[in-house]
N, C-alpha and C. Protein backbone atom coordinates (compact mmCIF):
# COMPACT_ATOMS: atom_id res chain seq x y z
N UNK A 1 9.65 18.84 12.84
CA UNK A 1 9.73 18.19 11.53
C UNK A 1 8.32 17.86 10.85
N UNK A 2 8.59 17.67 8.75
CA UNK A 2 7.28 17.56 8.61
C UNK A 2 7.17 16.09 8.39
N UNK A 3 6.17 15.22 8.12
CA UNK A 3 6.55 13.94 8.46
C UNK A 3 6.71 13.42 6.95
N UNK A 4 7.52 12.74 6.59
CA UNK A 4 7.97 12.22 5.09
C UNK A 4 6.47 11.82 4.44
N UNK A 5 6.47 11.89 3.12
CA UNK A 5 5.74 11.70 2.42
C UNK A 5 6.40 11.25 1.18
N UNK A 6 5.70 10.22 0.26
CA UNK A 6 6.44 9.67 -0.74
C UNK A 6 5.44 10.32 -1.91
N UNK A 7 5.71 10.31 -3.18
CA UNK A 7 4.67 10.52 -4.40
C UNK A 7 3.94 8.99 -4.03
N UNK A 8 2.82 9.32 -4.36
CA UNK A 8 1.73 8.21 -4.50
C UNK A 8 1.85 7.67 -6.19
N UNK A 9 1.77 6.54 -6.11
CA UNK A 9 2.07 6.01 -7.94
C UNK A 9 1.46 4.88 -8.06
N UNK A 10 0.08 5.63 -8.54
CA UNK A 10 -1.14 4.40 -8.81
C UNK A 10 -0.78 3.41 -9.76
N UNK A 11 -0.31 3.99 -10.46
CA UNK A 11 0.18 2.43 -11.63
C UNK A 11 1.04 1.22 -10.77
N UNK A 12 1.78 1.70 -10.09
CA UNK A 12 2.87 0.76 -8.64
C UNK A 12 1.32 -0.16 -8.24
N UNK A 13 0.64 0.46 -7.66
CA UNK A 13 -0.93 0.43 -6.27
C UNK A 13 -1.38 -0.80 -7.49
N UNK A 14 -1.51 -0.75 -8.80
CA UNK A 14 -2.33 -1.09 -9.21
C UNK A 14 -1.59 -2.20 -9.71
N UNK A 15 -0.42 -2.49 -10.19
CA UNK A 15 0.30 -3.80 -10.49
C UNK A 15 0.49 -4.51 -9.19
N UNK A 16 0.67 -4.04 -7.80
CA UNK A 16 0.62 -4.65 -6.44
C UNK A 16 -0.53 -5.55 -6.36
N UNK A 17 -1.49 -4.90 -6.67
CA UNK A 17 -2.92 -5.22 -6.23
C UNK A 17 -3.22 -6.53 -7.41
N UNK A 18 -2.73 -6.21 -8.92
CA UNK A 18 -2.88 -7.37 -9.57
C UNK A 18 -2.20 -8.58 -9.11
N UNK A 19 -0.99 -8.30 -8.84
CA UNK A 19 -0.15 -9.51 -8.43
C UNK A 19 -0.71 -10.19 -7.16
N UNK A 20 -1.38 -9.15 -6.58
CA UNK A 20 -1.91 -10.10 -5.19
C UNK A 20 -3.17 -10.78 -5.24
N UNK A 21 -4.07 -10.08 -6.44
CA UNK A 21 -5.09 -10.99 -6.87
C UNK A 21 -4.97 -12.05 -7.88
N UNK A 22 -3.75 -12.16 -8.72
CA UNK A 22 -3.58 -13.33 -8.97
C UNK A 22 -2.65 -14.78 -8.09
N UNK A 23 -1.97 -13.94 -7.24
CA UNK A 23 -1.54 -14.94 -6.18
C UNK A 23 -2.69 -15.63 -5.43
N UNK A 24 -3.59 -15.07 -5.19
CA UNK A 24 -5.13 -15.32 -4.29
C UNK A 24 -5.86 -16.25 -5.37
N UNK A 25 -6.01 -16.20 -6.41
CA UNK A 25 -6.84 -16.92 -7.31
C UNK A 25 -7.90 -17.16 -7.39
N UNK A 26 -8.34 -15.66 -6.70
CA UNK A 26 -10.01 -15.57 -6.12
C UNK A 26 -9.92 -14.20 -6.07
N UNK A 27 -11.48 -13.73 -6.15
CA UNK A 27 -11.78 -12.16 -5.37
C UNK A 27 -11.20 -12.23 -3.96
N UNK A 28 -10.87 -11.16 -3.61
CA UNK A 28 -10.48 -10.48 -2.11
C UNK A 28 -11.24 -9.31 -2.13
N UNK A 29 -11.42 -9.15 -0.59
CA UNK A 29 -12.19 -7.93 0.03
C UNK A 29 -11.19 -6.43 -0.16
N UNK A 30 -11.81 -5.37 0.02
CA UNK A 30 -11.42 -4.28 -0.22
C UNK A 30 -10.35 -4.18 1.12
N UNK A 31 -10.86 -4.70 2.43
CA UNK A 31 -10.29 -4.52 3.22
C UNK A 31 -9.35 -5.39 3.75
N UNK A 32 -9.40 -6.73 3.12
CA UNK A 32 -7.67 -7.75 2.68
C UNK A 32 -7.13 -7.00 1.65
N UNK A 33 -7.12 -6.42 0.67
CA UNK A 33 -6.51 -5.93 -0.27
C UNK A 33 -5.58 -4.64 0.33
N UNK A 34 -6.04 -3.81 1.13
CA UNK A 34 -5.52 -2.68 1.82
C UNK A 34 -4.82 -3.13 2.80
N UNK A 35 -4.96 -4.06 3.43
CA UNK A 35 -4.31 -4.62 4.21
C UNK A 35 -2.70 -5.21 4.12
N UNK A 36 -2.97 -6.35 3.28
CA UNK A 36 -2.08 -6.95 2.49
C UNK A 36 -1.23 -5.51 1.69
N UNK A 37 -1.48 -4.83 1.07
CA UNK A 37 -0.77 -3.71 0.59
C UNK A 37 -0.09 -2.96 1.06
N UNK A 38 -0.49 -2.73 2.75
CA UNK A 38 0.06 -1.97 3.58
C UNK A 38 1.10 -2.93 4.13
N UNK A 39 0.94 -4.11 4.33
CA UNK A 39 2.20 -4.80 4.78
C UNK A 39 2.96 -5.25 4.06
N UNK A 40 3.22 -4.59 2.69
CA UNK A 40 3.85 -4.78 1.69
C UNK A 40 4.67 -3.48 1.42
N UNK A 41 4.01 -2.73 1.07
CA UNK A 41 4.63 -1.23 1.61
C UNK A 41 5.61 -1.14 3.20
N UNK A 42 5.07 -1.43 3.81
CA UNK A 42 5.76 -1.87 5.40
C UNK A 42 7.50 -2.45 5.10
N UNK A 43 6.83 -3.71 5.05
CA UNK A 43 8.25 -4.61 4.27
C UNK A 43 8.98 -3.84 3.23
N UNK A 44 8.82 -3.14 2.55
CA UNK A 44 9.61 -2.52 1.81
C UNK A 44 10.98 -1.71 2.22
N UNK A 45 9.32 -0.96 2.97
CA UNK A 45 10.46 0.52 3.67
C UNK A 45 11.28 0.01 5.01
N UNK A 46 10.90 -1.33 5.27
CA UNK A 46 12.04 -2.16 6.71
C UNK A 46 13.07 -2.57 5.98
N UNK A 47 12.79 -3.04 4.14
CA UNK A 47 13.87 -3.75 3.61
C UNK A 47 14.95 -2.51 2.96
N UNK A 48 14.20 -1.51 1.86
CA UNK A 48 14.64 -0.59 1.20
C UNK A 48 14.99 0.53 1.51
N UNK A 49 14.06 0.92 2.67
CA UNK A 49 13.91 2.48 3.01
C UNK A 49 13.00 3.50 2.04
N UNK A 50 12.14 2.57 1.51
CA UNK A 50 11.03 3.58 0.79
C UNK A 50 10.07 2.38 0.54
N UNK A 51 8.40 2.88 0.42
CA UNK A 51 7.94 2.17 -0.15
C UNK A 51 7.29 1.37 -1.47
N UNK A 52 6.28 0.48 -1.64
CA UNK A 52 6.22 0.44 -2.62
C UNK A 52 5.15 1.63 -3.81
N UNK A 53 4.92 1.62 -3.28
CA UNK A 53 3.16 2.52 -3.66
C UNK A 53 3.13 3.99 -3.12
N UNK A 54 4.15 4.58 -2.51
CA UNK A 54 3.94 6.24 -1.83
C UNK A 54 2.77 6.32 -1.58
N UNK A 55 2.23 5.80 -0.74
CA UNK A 55 0.43 5.40 -0.34
C UNK A 55 0.41 6.08 1.04
N UNK A 56 -0.54 6.86 1.51
CA UNK A 56 -0.52 7.36 2.73
C UNK A 56 -0.76 6.64 3.53
N UNK A 57 -0.22 6.36 5.17
CA UNK A 57 -0.30 5.00 5.52
C UNK A 57 -1.34 5.55 7.07
N UNK A 58 -2.61 4.75 7.01
CA UNK A 58 -3.64 5.14 8.57
C UNK A 58 -3.93 4.08 8.99
N UNK A 59 -4.11 4.54 10.80
CA UNK A 59 -4.46 3.55 11.69
C UNK A 59 -6.16 4.14 11.39
N UNK A 60 -6.55 2.77 11.43
CA UNK A 60 -8.27 2.94 11.57
C UNK A 60 -8.64 2.10 12.32
N UNK A 61 -9.81 2.09 13.11
CA UNK A 61 -10.31 1.17 13.74
C UNK A 61 -9.70 -0.36 13.54
N UNK A 62 -10.42 -0.88 12.06
CA UNK A 62 -9.70 -2.24 12.02
C UNK A 62 -8.37 -2.19 11.45
N UNK A 63 -7.44 -1.39 11.81
CA UNK A 63 -6.09 -1.41 11.83
C UNK A 63 -5.67 -0.68 10.71
N UNK A 64 -4.42 -1.16 10.28
CA UNK A 64 -3.40 0.06 9.47
C UNK A 64 -3.89 -0.46 7.91
N UNK A 65 -3.89 0.20 7.02
CA UNK A 65 -4.32 0.46 5.80
C UNK A 65 -3.77 1.56 5.00
N UNK A 66 -3.62 1.18 3.67
CA UNK A 66 -3.06 2.40 2.57
C UNK A 66 -4.22 2.89 2.21
N UNK A 67 -4.19 4.31 2.58
CA UNK A 67 -5.49 5.22 2.58
C UNK A 67 -5.79 5.87 0.61
N UNK A 68 -5.16 5.89 0.05
CA UNK A 68 -5.64 6.46 -0.99
C UNK A 68 -5.88 5.22 -1.98
N UNK A 69 -5.09 4.06 -1.93
CA UNK A 69 -5.66 2.85 -2.62
C UNK A 69 -7.06 2.67 -2.22
N UNK A 70 -7.40 2.67 -0.81
CA UNK A 70 -8.80 2.57 -0.34
C UNK A 70 -9.69 3.05 -1.08
N UNK A 71 -9.04 4.41 -1.08
CA UNK A 71 -10.35 5.41 -1.82
C UNK A 71 -10.24 5.20 -3.19
N UNK A 72 -9.28 4.53 -3.94
CA UNK A 72 -9.92 4.47 -5.55
C UNK A 72 -10.59 3.30 -5.40
N UNK A 73 -10.38 2.04 -4.58
CA UNK A 73 -11.04 1.13 -4.65
C UNK A 73 -12.61 1.24 -4.45
N UNK A 74 -12.75 2.09 -3.25
CA UNK A 74 -14.02 2.75 -3.00
C UNK A 74 -14.78 3.28 -4.44
N UNK A 75 -13.93 3.92 -4.89
CA UNK A 75 -14.53 4.77 -5.77
C UNK A 75 -15.02 3.80 -7.25
N UNK A 76 -14.64 2.80 -7.32
CA UNK A 76 -14.27 1.60 -8.15
C UNK A 76 -15.97 1.15 -7.88
N UNK A 77 -15.73 0.48 -6.75
CA UNK A 77 -17.30 -0.15 -5.76
C UNK A 77 -18.26 0.98 -6.35
N UNK A 78 -18.21 2.39 -5.92
CA UNK A 78 -19.58 3.19 -6.39
C UNK A 78 -19.54 3.38 -7.81
N UNK A 79 -18.91 2.76 -8.56
CA UNK A 79 -19.26 2.62 -10.03
C UNK A 79 -18.42 3.71 -10.51
N UNK A 80 -17.56 4.47 -9.71
CA UNK A 80 -16.69 5.80 -10.60
C UNK A 80 -15.26 5.51 -10.69
N UNK A 81 -14.57 4.50 -11.20
CA UNK A 81 -13.35 3.95 -11.17
C UNK A 81 -12.58 4.86 -12.02
N UNK A 82 -11.19 4.85 -11.45
CA UNK A 82 -10.06 5.15 -12.50
C UNK A 82 -9.78 4.58 -13.23
N UNK A 83 -9.07 5.09 -14.77
CA UNK A 83 -9.30 3.98 -15.82
C UNK A 83 -8.21 3.14 -15.59
N UNK A 84 -7.18 2.96 -14.68
CA UNK A 84 -6.54 2.20 -14.53
C UNK A 84 -7.49 0.61 -13.58
N UNK A 85 -8.14 1.44 -12.89
CA UNK A 85 -9.14 0.17 -12.00
C UNK A 85 -9.96 -0.21 -12.90
N UNK A 86 -10.34 0.24 -13.83
CA UNK A 86 -11.34 -0.10 -14.46
C UNK A 86 -10.75 -1.27 -15.35
N UNK A 87 -9.66 -1.09 -16.08
CA UNK A 87 -9.47 -1.37 -16.80
C UNK A 87 -8.19 -2.70 -16.16
N UNK A 88 -8.16 -3.13 -14.97
CA UNK A 88 -7.78 -4.23 -13.96
C UNK A 88 -8.67 -5.05 -13.39
N UNK A 89 -9.90 -4.42 -13.12
CA UNK A 89 -10.26 -4.84 -12.01
C UNK A 89 -12.08 -4.85 -12.11
N UNK A 90 -12.76 -6.15 -11.76
CA UNK A 90 -14.21 -5.90 -11.47
C UNK A 90 -15.09 -6.36 -10.00
N UNK A 91 -15.71 -5.22 -10.01
CA UNK A 91 -16.34 -5.51 -8.80
C UNK A 91 -16.99 -6.63 -8.61
N UNK A 92 -16.86 -7.35 -7.62
CA UNK A 92 -17.62 -9.06 -7.34
C UNK A 92 -18.38 -8.61 -6.00
N UNK A 93 -19.46 -8.86 -5.66
CA UNK A 93 -20.79 -8.88 -4.57
C UNK A 93 -20.63 -7.24 -4.13
N UNK A 94 -20.45 -6.94 -2.95
CA UNK A 94 -20.55 -5.43 -2.74
C UNK A 94 -19.30 -4.84 -1.97
N UNK A 95 -18.06 -5.44 -1.97
CA UNK A 95 -16.80 -5.49 -1.72
C UNK A 95 -15.86 -5.74 -2.10
N UNK A 96 -15.70 -6.64 -2.84
CA UNK A 96 -14.69 -7.50 -3.18
C UNK A 96 -14.39 -7.17 -4.65
N UNK A 97 -13.26 -7.19 -4.91
CA UNK A 97 -12.16 -6.87 -6.45
C UNK A 97 -11.95 -8.18 -7.03
N UNK A 98 -11.60 -8.66 -8.19
CA UNK A 98 -11.21 -9.60 -9.18
C UNK A 98 -10.77 -9.16 -10.37
N UNK A 99 -9.90 -9.93 -10.52
CA UNK A 99 -8.93 -9.29 -11.84
C UNK A 99 -10.03 -9.34 -13.15
N UNK A 100 -9.69 -8.58 -13.93
CA UNK A 100 -9.88 -8.29 -15.17
C UNK A 100 -9.36 -8.65 -16.41
N UNK A 101 -7.99 -8.24 -16.27
CA UNK A 101 -7.23 -8.60 -17.12
C UNK A 101 -5.92 -9.13 -16.77
N UNK A 102 -4.92 -9.86 -17.72
CA UNK A 102 -3.69 -10.31 -17.67
C UNK A 102 -2.81 -9.29 -16.51
N UNK A 103 -1.96 -9.83 -15.31
CA UNK A 103 -1.79 -8.57 -14.59
C UNK A 103 -0.48 -8.36 -15.24
N UNK A 104 -0.35 -6.74 -15.23
CA UNK A 104 0.85 -6.12 -15.92
C UNK A 104 1.82 -5.62 -14.28
N UNK A 105 3.21 -6.18 -14.51
CA UNK A 105 4.03 -5.91 -13.43
C UNK A 105 4.85 -5.36 -13.39
N UNK A 106 4.86 -4.63 -14.90
CA UNK A 106 6.23 -3.94 -15.18
C UNK A 106 6.22 -2.94 -14.56
N UNK A 107 5.42 -2.30 -13.68
CA UNK A 107 5.93 -1.16 -13.08
C UNK A 107 6.62 -1.18 -11.78
N UNK A 108 6.68 -2.83 -11.17
CA UNK A 108 7.31 -3.47 -10.32
C UNK A 108 8.88 -3.96 -10.56
N UNK A 109 9.56 -3.42 -9.52
CA UNK A 109 10.89 -3.65 -9.75
C UNK A 109 11.06 -5.05 -9.14
N UNK A 110 12.23 -6.07 -9.67
CA UNK A 110 12.19 -7.38 -8.74
C UNK A 110 12.18 -7.78 -7.42
N UNK A 111 12.76 -6.11 -7.03
CA UNK A 111 13.13 -6.20 -5.63
C UNK A 111 11.41 -6.25 -4.94
N UNK A 112 10.73 -5.66 -5.32
CA UNK A 112 9.05 -4.86 -4.99
C UNK A 112 8.27 -5.82 -4.96
N UNK A 113 8.47 -6.62 -6.15
CA UNK A 113 7.67 -8.20 -6.29
C UNK A 113 8.47 -9.25 -5.50
N UNK A 114 9.68 -9.29 -5.27
CA UNK A 114 9.92 -10.18 -3.97
C UNK A 114 9.63 -10.05 -2.73
N UNK A 115 9.25 -8.63 -2.69
CA UNK A 115 8.92 -8.25 -1.32
C UNK A 115 7.13 -8.81 -1.30
N UNK A 116 6.28 -8.37 -2.51
CA UNK A 116 4.67 -8.97 -2.45
C UNK A 116 4.82 -9.98 -2.23
N UNK A 117 5.58 -10.96 -3.02
CA UNK A 117 5.82 -12.50 -2.74
C UNK A 117 5.58 -12.68 -1.05
N UNK A 118 6.66 -12.44 -0.76
CA UNK A 118 6.98 -12.80 0.56
C UNK A 118 5.91 -12.53 1.51
N UNK A 119 5.18 -11.01 1.51
CA UNK A 119 4.20 -10.86 2.04
C UNK A 119 2.79 -11.85 1.63
N UNK A 120 2.60 -12.12 0.75
CA UNK A 120 1.74 -12.93 -0.03
C UNK A 120 2.09 -14.42 0.66
N UNK A 121 3.20 -14.80 0.58
CA UNK A 121 3.37 -16.03 1.24
C UNK A 121 3.00 -16.12 2.63
N UNK A 122 3.64 -15.12 3.47
CA UNK A 122 3.44 -15.19 4.94
C UNK A 122 1.60 -14.94 5.44
N UNK A 123 0.96 -13.87 4.84
CA UNK A 123 -0.52 -13.72 5.45
C UNK A 123 -1.52 -13.53 3.92
N UNK A 124 -0.88 -14.07 2.79
CA UNK A 124 -1.89 -14.39 1.83
C UNK A 124 -3.17 -15.03 1.84
N UNK A 125 -3.18 -15.89 2.64
CA UNK A 125 -4.30 -16.76 3.11
C UNK A 125 -5.20 -16.57 4.66
N UNK A 126 -4.29 -15.52 4.91
CA UNK A 126 -5.52 -14.85 5.90
C UNK A 126 -6.55 -14.27 5.87
N UNK A 127 -7.47 -14.38 6.46
CA UNK A 127 -9.15 -13.61 6.18
C UNK A 127 -8.66 -12.13 6.70
N UNK A 128 -9.73 -11.29 6.66
CA UNK A 128 -9.73 -9.69 6.99
C UNK A 128 -9.61 -10.12 8.38
N UNK A 129 -10.28 -10.44 9.23
CA UNK A 129 -10.25 -10.91 10.83
C UNK A 129 -9.14 -10.89 11.40
N UNK A 130 -8.08 -12.21 10.64
CA UNK A 130 -6.74 -12.29 10.82
C UNK A 130 -5.90 -11.14 10.49
N UNK A 131 -6.06 -10.78 9.41
CA UNK A 131 -5.05 -9.76 8.69
C UNK A 131 -5.42 -7.91 10.01
N UNK A 132 -6.95 -7.80 10.48
CA UNK A 132 -7.12 -7.27 11.42
C UNK A 132 -6.39 -6.98 12.33
N UNK A 133 -6.31 -8.24 13.29
CA UNK A 133 -5.44 -8.59 14.50
C UNK A 133 -4.24 -8.22 13.95
N UNK A 134 -3.41 -8.78 12.84
CA UNK A 134 -1.80 -8.74 12.53
C UNK A 134 -1.86 -7.09 12.35
N UNK A 135 -2.52 -6.53 11.98
CA UNK A 135 -2.30 -4.95 11.75
C UNK A 135 -2.32 -4.41 13.09
N UNK A 136 -3.46 -4.66 13.87
CA UNK A 136 -3.41 -4.06 14.85
C UNK A 136 -2.39 -4.28 16.40
N UNK A 137 -1.30 -5.21 15.88
CA UNK A 137 -0.51 -5.84 16.76
C UNK A 137 0.91 -4.89 16.35
N UNK A 138 1.06 -4.03 15.12
CA UNK A 138 2.08 -3.74 14.70
C UNK A 138 2.18 -2.65 16.05
N UNK A 139 3.91 -2.20 15.82
CA UNK A 139 3.99 -1.43 16.68
C UNK A 139 3.58 0.27 16.72
N UNK A 140 3.40 0.62 15.47
CA UNK A 140 2.89 1.53 15.05
C UNK A 140 1.66 2.05 15.12
N UNK A 141 1.08 1.26 15.23
CA UNK A 141 -0.57 1.01 15.10
C UNK A 141 -0.89 2.05 16.58
N UNK A 142 -1.70 2.99 16.56
CA UNK A 142 -2.54 3.44 17.27
C UNK A 142 -4.04 3.24 17.66
N UNK A 143 -4.32 3.17 18.45
CA UNK A 143 -6.21 3.22 18.22
C UNK A 143 -7.13 4.75 18.33
N UNK A 144 -7.32 4.51 17.13
CA UNK A 144 -7.65 6.06 16.54
C UNK A 144 -9.10 6.37 17.00
N UNK A 145 -9.68 5.70 18.08
CA UNK A 145 -10.94 5.91 19.00
C UNK A 145 -11.95 6.42 17.78
N UNK A 146 -11.99 5.47 16.63
CA UNK A 146 -13.45 5.45 15.85
C UNK A 146 -12.96 6.48 14.89
N UNK A 147 -11.84 7.36 14.91
CA UNK A 147 -11.64 7.88 13.56
C UNK A 147 -10.33 7.48 12.51
N UNK A 148 -9.12 7.85 12.41
CA UNK A 148 -8.65 7.82 11.36
C UNK A 148 -6.94 8.73 11.46
N UNK A 149 -5.77 7.94 12.03
CA UNK A 149 -4.63 8.96 12.60
C UNK A 149 -3.58 8.59 11.25
N UNK A 150 -3.11 9.52 10.75
CA UNK A 150 -1.76 9.19 9.64
C UNK A 150 -0.81 8.81 10.36
N UNK A 151 -0.10 7.50 9.55
CA UNK A 151 1.00 7.29 9.70
C UNK A 151 2.31 7.44 9.01
N UNK A 152 3.26 8.58 9.58
CA UNK A 152 4.38 8.72 8.78
C UNK A 152 5.03 7.16 8.44
N UNK A 153 5.65 7.23 7.38
CA UNK A 153 6.66 5.86 6.78
C UNK A 153 8.04 5.97 8.25
N UNK A 154 8.53 7.23 8.73
CA UNK A 154 9.45 6.96 9.44
C UNK A 154 8.91 6.90 10.94
N UNK A 155 7.68 6.91 11.33
CA UNK A 155 7.05 6.13 12.17
C UNK A 155 7.44 4.89 12.40
N UNK A 156 7.34 3.73 11.29
CA UNK A 156 7.56 2.27 11.07
C UNK A 156 8.65 2.10 11.27
N UNK A 157 10.08 3.10 10.95
CA UNK A 157 11.21 2.55 11.43
C UNK A 157 11.18 3.17 12.72
N UNK A 158 10.87 3.87 13.34
CA UNK A 158 11.37 4.44 14.65
C UNK A 158 10.83 3.23 15.58
N UNK A 159 9.49 2.61 15.34
CA UNK A 159 8.64 1.67 16.27
C UNK A 159 9.41 0.53 16.14
N UNK A 160 9.92 0.58 15.17
CA UNK A 160 10.83 -1.04 14.87
C UNK A 160 12.47 -0.79 15.75
N UNK A 161 12.72 0.50 16.30
CA UNK A 161 13.55 0.74 16.80
C UNK A 161 15.28 0.77 15.89
N UNK A 162 14.75 1.43 14.68
CA UNK A 162 16.08 1.42 13.67
C UNK A 162 16.59 2.53 13.94
N UNK A 163 18.05 2.75 13.35
CA UNK A 163 18.50 3.72 13.95
C UNK A 163 18.19 4.91 13.46
N UNK A 164 18.77 6.08 13.81
CA UNK A 164 18.55 7.33 13.25
C UNK A 164 18.98 7.46 11.88
N UNK A 165 19.97 6.92 11.25
CA UNK A 165 20.67 7.25 10.02
C UNK A 165 19.87 6.67 9.12
N UNK A 166 19.14 5.63 9.49
CA UNK A 166 18.10 4.98 8.34
C UNK A 166 17.04 5.47 8.12
N UNK A 167 16.89 6.54 9.41
CA UNK A 167 15.05 7.31 9.30
C UNK A 167 15.78 8.47 8.39
N UNK A 168 16.95 8.96 8.62
CA UNK A 168 17.50 9.96 7.96
C UNK A 168 17.71 9.88 6.26
N UNK A 169 18.20 8.63 6.00
CA UNK A 169 18.10 8.01 4.59
C UNK A 169 16.65 7.77 3.91
N UNK A 170 15.80 7.32 4.77
CA UNK A 170 14.23 7.57 4.53
C UNK A 170 14.16 8.79 4.13
N UNK A 171 14.08 10.36 4.83
CA UNK A 171 13.67 11.11 4.42
C UNK A 171 14.28 11.65 3.27
N UNK A 172 15.58 11.66 3.17
CA UNK A 172 16.53 11.81 1.49
C UNK A 172 15.82 10.86 0.53
N UNK A 173 15.38 9.97 0.71
CA UNK A 173 14.84 9.21 -0.26
C UNK A 173 13.55 9.69 -0.95
N UNK A 174 12.53 10.03 0.16
CA UNK A 174 11.34 10.92 0.07
C UNK A 174 11.68 12.02 -0.52
N UNK A 175 12.37 12.83 0.19
CA UNK A 175 12.61 14.18 -0.77
C UNK A 175 13.09 13.96 -1.91
N UNK A 176 14.19 13.22 -2.86
CA UNK A 176 14.44 12.93 -3.89
C UNK A 176 13.05 12.17 -4.88
N UNK A 177 12.30 11.07 -4.52
CA UNK A 177 11.41 11.09 -4.99
C UNK A 177 10.54 12.07 -5.50
N UNK A 178 10.15 13.16 -4.21
CA UNK A 178 9.19 14.24 -4.85
C UNK A 178 9.61 15.01 -5.33
N UNK A 179 10.87 15.11 -5.70
CA UNK A 179 11.74 16.39 -6.37
C UNK A 179 11.34 15.54 -8.10
N UNK A 180 11.88 14.08 -8.38
CA UNK A 180 11.57 13.50 -9.37
C UNK A 180 10.41 13.20 -9.74
N UNK A 181 9.34 13.78 -8.91
CA UNK A 181 7.46 13.20 -9.20
C UNK A 181 7.54 14.54 -10.05
N UNK A 182 7.77 15.74 -9.13
CA UNK A 182 7.60 17.17 -9.46
C UNK A 182 8.31 17.50 -11.15
N UNK A 183 9.36 17.03 -11.02
CA UNK A 183 10.05 16.97 -12.34
C UNK A 183 8.94 16.61 -13.25
N UNK A 184 8.96 15.12 -13.18
CA UNK A 184 8.37 14.36 -14.43
C UNK A 184 6.88 15.12 -14.69
N UNK A 185 6.13 15.65 -13.70
CA UNK A 185 5.09 15.89 -14.04
C UNK A 185 5.18 17.66 -14.59
N UNK A 186 6.09 18.43 -14.65
CA UNK A 186 6.25 19.62 -15.22
C UNK A 186 6.72 18.81 -16.63
N UNK A 187 7.14 18.02 -16.78
CA UNK A 187 8.06 17.63 -18.07
C UNK A 187 6.63 17.24 -19.06
N UNK A 188 5.41 16.94 -18.35
CA UNK A 188 4.33 16.12 -19.20
C UNK A 188 3.39 17.40 -19.57
N UNK A 189 3.49 18.59 -18.61
CA UNK A 189 2.50 19.27 -18.91
C UNK A 189 3.14 20.14 -20.49
């Protein structure tokens, strides 16, 4: 069976990152940001059966991350930001982002904001090393031996021993999100 994929929503990823940075009240390293966002997406999957951002999850040597968001942060650091990233963030030092603008969290639902707040409350003050250790301990993590291993959202549910019906609901939601996203993109054209 093909792994479940949700459409990536850069607007939600940016809104979630701005919320994390606002709650932090300081700049954060890209490693901290992609791990905190992973933990929020993971928590949302466990709570509602769908992620916040639709990002691709990967196991890397330093733990679990959201890969498309990491690529967007890397582009920002290299001076080639997307329009949304340029409007919302500044690069500080070599690897950190700080808020440029007042966060616009309008793309996030109340439930998504509550999950982000809960993840931040529990893990927001942790260092990169502590977040690395935490994401290494998650049941869906497996050592990529120096590379990268994609981790499908249904793997999170399976590793958490959720019932097959819950995994089937996740697959259905992903298909619905993908169909809606495709329809929206056709309308925009």
